Amino acid sequence: MTRYLIAVLIAAAGSLAWPALGRTADSPSRRSASLTEDPLVIRLSKDEFRIAFGVNAQGCALNGCSGLIHYRVKWKTEDGTVMSEFRRVSYNVVPDSSRTVTVDRQYFDTAEGAHTTDVVEVTVDTITCLNGVHSNSTPTPPAARSAALLR
């Protein structure tokens, strides 16, 4: 074959493969994360709370995504003292999904367990959205994954 014919074949193969390569990743402009609804505050004890966030991550279905929710909590003690704290919690959206839930565990008190506190307000400042899922968990061994697939 001539060099010209080889170059044309390589160019043709590349032009056919290019659209497929472009679909494997979500473009940064299409990725975004938002809350599905207002944060849910769950009281566990006098001063212990869980704050749950439903995350809707549009454009992350192919590769998944991860990010941080930066939020502010305003709370008060039974004697009327009002405090405000900035917090953050991470989330992961797995591939082939566009939603997830993340829960943050918090204690709000001026002294450990001394007062009954109430969460007055939770406001979200920013939500970041990065491509790909970053896991903090230990990966499942290949043998365990294979056994789970056979069930």
C-alpha atoms as a PDB file:
ATOM      1  CA  MET A   1       0.000   0.000   0.000  1.00  0.00           C
ATOM      2  CA  THR A   2       1.072   3.525  -0.593  1.00  0.00           C
ATOM      3  CA  ARG A   3       1.647   6.054   2.125  1.00  0.00           C
ATOM      4  CA  TYR A   4      -1.307   8.071   0.877  1.00  0.00           C
ATOM      5  CA  LEU A   5      -3.698   5.120   1.181  1.00  0.00           C
ATOM      6  CA  ILE A   6      -2.438   4.292   4.689  1.00  0.00           C
ATOM      7  CA  ALA A   7      -2.905   7.925   5.760  1.00  0.00           C
ATOM      8  CA  VAL A   8      -6.446   7.993   4.352  1.00  0.00           C
ATOM      9  CA  LEU A   9      -7.342   4.737   6.163  1.00  0.00           C
ATOM     10  CA  ILE A  10      -5.956   6.040   9.460  1.00  0.00           C
ATOM     11  CA  ALA A  11      -7.847   9.327   9.036  1.00  0.00           C
ATOM     12  CA  ALA A  12     -11.075   7.474   8.217  1.00  0.00           C
ATOM     13  CA  ALA A  13     -10.714   5.178  11.236  1.00  0.00           C
ATOM     14  CA  GLY A  14      -9.993   8.160  13.463  1.00  0.00           C
ATOM     15  CA  SER A  15     -13.010  10.095  12.220  1.00  0.00           C
ATOM     16  CA  LEU A  16     -15.243   7.088  12.927  1.00  0.00           C
ATOM     17  CA  ALA A  17     -13.800   6.591  16.416  1.00  0.00           C
ATOM     18  CA  TRP A  18     -13.846  10.295  17.401  1.00  0.00           C
ATOM     19  CA  PRO A  19     -17.619  10.569  18.140  1.00  0.00           C
ATOM     20  CA  ALA A  20     -17.485   7.414  20.266  1.00  0.00           C
ATOM     21  CA  LEU A  21     -14.564   8.800  22.247  1.00  0.00           C
ATOM     22  CA  GLY A  22     -16.415  12.068  22.777  1.00  0.00           C
ATOM     23  CA  ARG A  23     -19.398  10.258  24.331  1.00  0.00           C
ATOM     24  CA  THR A  24     -17.357   8.479  27.002  1.00  0.00           C
ATOM     25  CA  ALA A  25     -17.049  11.572  29.172  1.00  0.00           C
ATOM     26  CA  ASP A  26     -19.574  14.164  30.192  1.00  0.00           C
ATOM     27  CA  SER A  27     -18.527  17.646  29.174  1.00  0.00           C
ATOM     28  CA  PRO A  28     -17.825  19.935  32.141  1.00  0.00           C
ATOM     29  CA  SER A  29     -20.424  22.429  30.923  1.00  0.00           C
ATOM     30  CA  ARG A  30     -23.195  19.779  31.085  1.00  0.00           C
ATOM     31  CA  ARG A  31     -22.228  18.508  34.543  1.00  0.00           C
ATOM     32  CA  SER A  32     -23.944  20.191  37.433  1.00  0.00           C
ATOM     33  CA  ALA A  33     -25.185  19.256  40.865  1.00  0.00           C
ATOM     34  CA  SER A  34     -28.141  20.595  42.782  1.00  0.00           C
ATOM     35  CA  LEU A  35     -30.285  19.569  45.724  1.00  0.00           C
ATOM     36  CA  THR A  36     -33.379  17.511  45.017  1.00  0.00           C
ATOM     37  CA  GLU A  37     -35.100  19.261  47.954  1.00  0.00           C
ATOM     38  CA  ASP A  38     -34.268  21.139  51.153  1.00  0.00           C
ATOM     39  CA  PRO A  39     -31.835  19.380  53.525  1.00  0.00           C
ATOM     40  CA  LEU A  40     -33.516  17.027  56.007  1.00  0.00           C
ATOM     41  CA  VAL A  41     -32.505  17.480  59.659  1.00  0.00           C
ATOM     42  CA  ILE A  42     -32.865  14.396  61.897  1.00  0.00           C
ATOM     43  CA  ARG A  43     -32.434  14.662  65.684  1.00  0.00           C
ATOM     44  CA  LEU A  44     -30.766  11.644  67.347  1.00  0.00           C
ATOM     45  CA  SER A  45     -30.264  13.003  70.859  1.00  0.00           C
ATOM     46  CA  LYS A  46     -30.177  16.295  72.762  1.00  0.00           C
ATOM     47  CA  ASP A  47     -27.311  17.631  70.668  1.00  0.00           C
ATOM     48  CA  GLU A  48     -26.664  15.036  67.935  1.00  0.00           C
ATOM     49  CA  PHE A  49     -28.100  15.459  64.453  1.00  0.00           C
ATOM     50  CA  ARG A  50     -27.906  13.962  60.978  1.00  0.00           C
ATOM     51  CA  ILE A  51     -28.344  16.296  58.031  1.00  0.00           C
ATOM     52  CA  ALA A  52     -29.342  14.516  54.812  1.00  0.00           C
ATOM     53  CA  PHE A  53     -28.888  15.983  51.340  1.00  0.00           C
ATOM     54  CA  GLY A  54     -30.475  14.600  48.181  1.00  0.00           C
ATOM     55  CA  VAL A  55     -28.215  15.387  45.221  1.00  0.00           C
ATOM     56  CA  ASN A  56     -29.350  15.593  41.620  1.00  0.00           C
ATOM     57  CA  ALA A  57     -26.295  15.444  39.330  1.00  0.00           C
ATOM     58  CA  GLN A  58     -27.339  16.106  35.748  1.00  0.00           C
ATOM     59  CA  GLY A  59     -24.891  15.075  33.046  1.00  0.00           C
ATOM     60  CA  CYS A  60     -22.975  12.645  35.281  1.00  0.00           C
ATOM     61  CA  ALA A  61     -24.701   9.434  34.215  1.00  0.00           C
ATOM     62  CA  LEU A  62     -21.899   8.049  32.054  1.00  0.00           C
ATOM     63  CA  ASN A  63     -18.914   8.313  34.384  1.00  0.00           C
ATOM     64  CA  GLY A  64     -20.462   9.396  37.654  1.00  0.00           C
ATOM     65  CA  CYS A  65     -19.171  12.360  39.599  1.00  0.00           C
ATOM     66  CA  SER A  66     -18.257  13.497  43.070  1.00  0.00           C
ATOM     67  CA  GLY A  67     -18.072  16.742  44.930  1.00  0.00           C
ATOM     68  CA  LEU A  68     -18.583  18.712  48.106  1.00  0.00           C
ATOM     69  CA  ILE A  69     -21.604  20.454  49.566  1.00  0.00           C
ATOM     70  CA  HIS A  70     -20.583  23.563  51.500  1.00  0.00           C
ATOM     71  CA  TYR A  71     -23.329  24.581  53.898  1.00  0.00           C
ATOM     72  CA  ARG A  72     -24.053  26.698  56.978  1.00  0.00           C
ATOM     73  CA  VAL A  73     -25.984  25.539  60.027  1.00  0.00           C
ATOM     74  CA  LYS A  74     -27.622  27.991  62.406  1.00  0.00           C
ATOM     75  CA  TRP A  75     -28.530  26.420  65.756  1.00  0.00           C
ATOM     76  CA  LYS A  76     -29.490  27.550  69.238  1.00  0.00           C
ATOM     77  CA  THR A  77     -29.253  26.192  72.751  1.00  0.00           C
ATOM     78  CA  GLU A  78     -32.122  25.992  75.231  1.00  0.00           C
ATOM     79  CA  ASP A  79     -30.879  29.203  76.913  1.00  0.00           C
ATOM     80  CA  GLY A  80     -31.331  31.081  73.602  1.00  0.00           C
ATOM     81  CA  THR A  81     -27.689  31.266  72.500  1.00  0.00           C
ATOM     82  CA  VAL A  82     -27.593  31.268  68.686  1.00  0.00           C
ATOM     83  CA  MET A  83     -24.539  29.892  66.895  1.00  0.00           C
ATOM     84  CA  SER A  84     -23.626  29.455  63.243  1.00  0.00           C
ATOM     85  CA  GLU A  85     -21.130  27.007  61.746  1.00  0.00           C
ATOM     86  CA  PHE A  86     -19.816  26.352  58.251  1.00  0.00           C
ATOM     87  CA  ARG A  87     -19.638  22.672  57.294  1.00  0.00           C
ATOM     88  CA  ARG A  88     -18.984  20.511  54.263  1.00  0.00           C
ATOM     89  CA  VAL A  89     -19.891  16.978  53.272  1.00  0.00           C
ATOM     90  CA  SER A  90     -18.809  14.933  50.252  1.00  0.00           C
ATOM     91  CA  TYR A  91     -21.013  12.976  47.864  1.00  0.00           C
ATOM     92  CA  ASN A  92     -20.504  10.395  45.100  1.00  0.00           C
ATOM     93  CA  VAL A  93     -22.828   9.695  42.183  1.00  0.00           C
ATOM     94  CA  VAL A  94     -22.051   6.275  40.705  1.00  0.00           C
ATOM     95  CA  PRO A  95     -21.949   5.742  36.931  1.00  0.00           C
ATOM     96  CA  ASP A  96     -25.341   5.095  35.266  1.00  0.00           C
ATOM     97  CA  SER A  97     -27.104   7.162  37.931  1.00  0.00           C
ATOM     98  CA  SER A  98     -27.937  10.819  38.273  1.00  0.00           C
ATOM     99  CA  ARG A  99     -28.945  11.009  41.957  1.00  0.00           C
ATOM    100  CA  THR A 100     -27.542  10.186  45.349  1.00  0.00           C
ATOM    101  CA  VAL A 101     -28.046  10.876  49.047  1.00  0.00           C
ATOM    102  CA  THR A 102     -25.346  11.918  51.484  1.00  0.00           C
ATOM    103  CA  VAL A 103     -25.680  12.336  55.247  1.00  0.00           C
ATOM    104  CA  ASP A 104     -23.526  14.410  57.586  1.00  0.00           C
ATOM    105  CA  ARG A 105     -23.263  13.611  61.303  1.00  0.00           C
ATOM    106  CA  GLN A 106     -23.043  16.648  63.573  1.00  0.00           C
ATOM    107  CA  TYR A 107     -23.061  17.604  67.256  1.00  0.00           C
ATOM    108  CA  PHE A 108     -24.192  21.129  68.098  1.00  0.00           C
ATOM    109  CA  ASP A 109     -23.640  22.308  71.675  1.00  0.00           C
ATOM    110  CA  THR A 110     -21.540  24.720  73.692  1.00  0.00           C
ATOM    111  CA  ALA A 111     -20.565  21.906  76.094  1.00  0.00           C
ATOM    112  CA  GLU A 112     -20.762  18.173  75.391  1.00  0.00           C
ATOM    113  CA  GLY A 113     -24.309  16.981  76.042  1.00  0.00           C
ATOM    114  CA  ALA A 114     -24.999  19.859  78.428  1.00  0.00           C
ATOM    115  CA  HIS A 115     -27.901  21.437  76.528  1.00  0.00           C
ATOM    116  CA  THR A 116     -30.742  20.507  74.266  1.00  0.00           C
ATOM    117  CA  THR A 117     -30.070  22.257  70.971  1.00  0.00           C
ATOM    118  CA  ASP A 118     -32.263  22.986  67.980  1.00  0.00           C
ATOM    119  CA  VAL A 119     -31.201  23.409  64.385  1.00  0.00           C
ATOM    120  CA  VAL A 120     -32.775  26.662  63.232  1.00  0.00           C
ATOM    121  CA  GLU A 121     -31.649  26.761  59.594  1.00  0.00           C
ATOM    122  CA  VAL A 122     -29.486  24.915  57.076  1.00  0.00           C
ATOM    123  CA  THR A 123     -28.411  26.862  53.993  1.00  0.00           C
ATOM    124  CA  VAL A 124     -26.273  25.527  51.154  1.00  0.00           C
ATOM    125  CA  ASP A 125     -23.590  27.896  49.895  1.00  0.00           C
ATOM    126  CA  THR A 126     -22.025  25.906  47.042  1.00  0.00           C
ATOM    127  CA  ILE A 127     -22.043  22.441  45.528  1.00  0.00           C
ATOM    128  CA  THR A 128     -18.993  21.334  43.552  1.00  0.00           C
ATOM    129  CA  CYS A 129     -19.173  18.687  40.830  1.00  0.00           C
ATOM    130  CA  LEU A 130     -16.087  16.857  39.569  1.00  0.00           C
ATOM    131  CA  ASN A 131     -15.869  14.207  36.863  1.00  0.00           C
ATOM    132  CA  GLY A 132     -15.561  10.596  38.006  1.00  0.00           C
ATOM    133  CA  VAL A 133     -16.317   8.960  41.329  1.00  0.00           C
ATOM    134  CA  HIS A 134     -13.676   9.020  44.036  1.00  0.00           C
ATOM    135  CA  SER A 135     -14.245   6.376  46.676  1.00  0.00           C
ATOM    136  CA  ASN A 136     -12.860   6.423  50.193  1.00  0.00           C
ATOM    137  CA  SER A 137     -13.921   2.841  50.772  1.00  0.00           C
ATOM    138  CA  THR A 138     -11.787  -0.266  50.438  1.00  0.00           C
ATOM    139  CA  PRO A 139     -12.252  -1.867  47.016  1.00  0.00           C
ATOM    140  CA  THR A 140     -14.032  -5.211  46.863  1.00  0.00           C
ATOM    141  CA  PRO A 141     -11.620  -8.079  46.119  1.00  0.00           C
ATOM    142  CA  PRO A 142     -12.066  -9.549  42.595  1.00  0.00           C
ATOM    143  CA  ALA A 143     -13.119 -12.968  43.960  1.00  0.00           C
ATOM    144  CA  ALA A 144     -15.937 -11.390  46.013  1.00  0.00           C
ATOM    145  CA  ARG A 145     -17.105  -9.387  42.989  1.00  0.00           C
ATOM    146  CA  SER A 146     -17.184 -12.543  40.857  1.00  0.00           C
ATOM    147  CA  ALA A 147     -19.141 -14.437  43.505  1.00  0.00           C
ATOM    148  CA  ALA A 148     -21.656 -11.598  43.762  1.00  0.00           C
ATOM    149  CA  LEU A 149     -22.154 -11.588  39.984  1.00  0.00           C
ATOM    150  CA  LEU A 150     -22.837 -15.347  39.933  1.00  0.00           C
ATOM    151  CA  ARG A 151     -25.733 -15.071  42.399  1.00  0.00           C
END
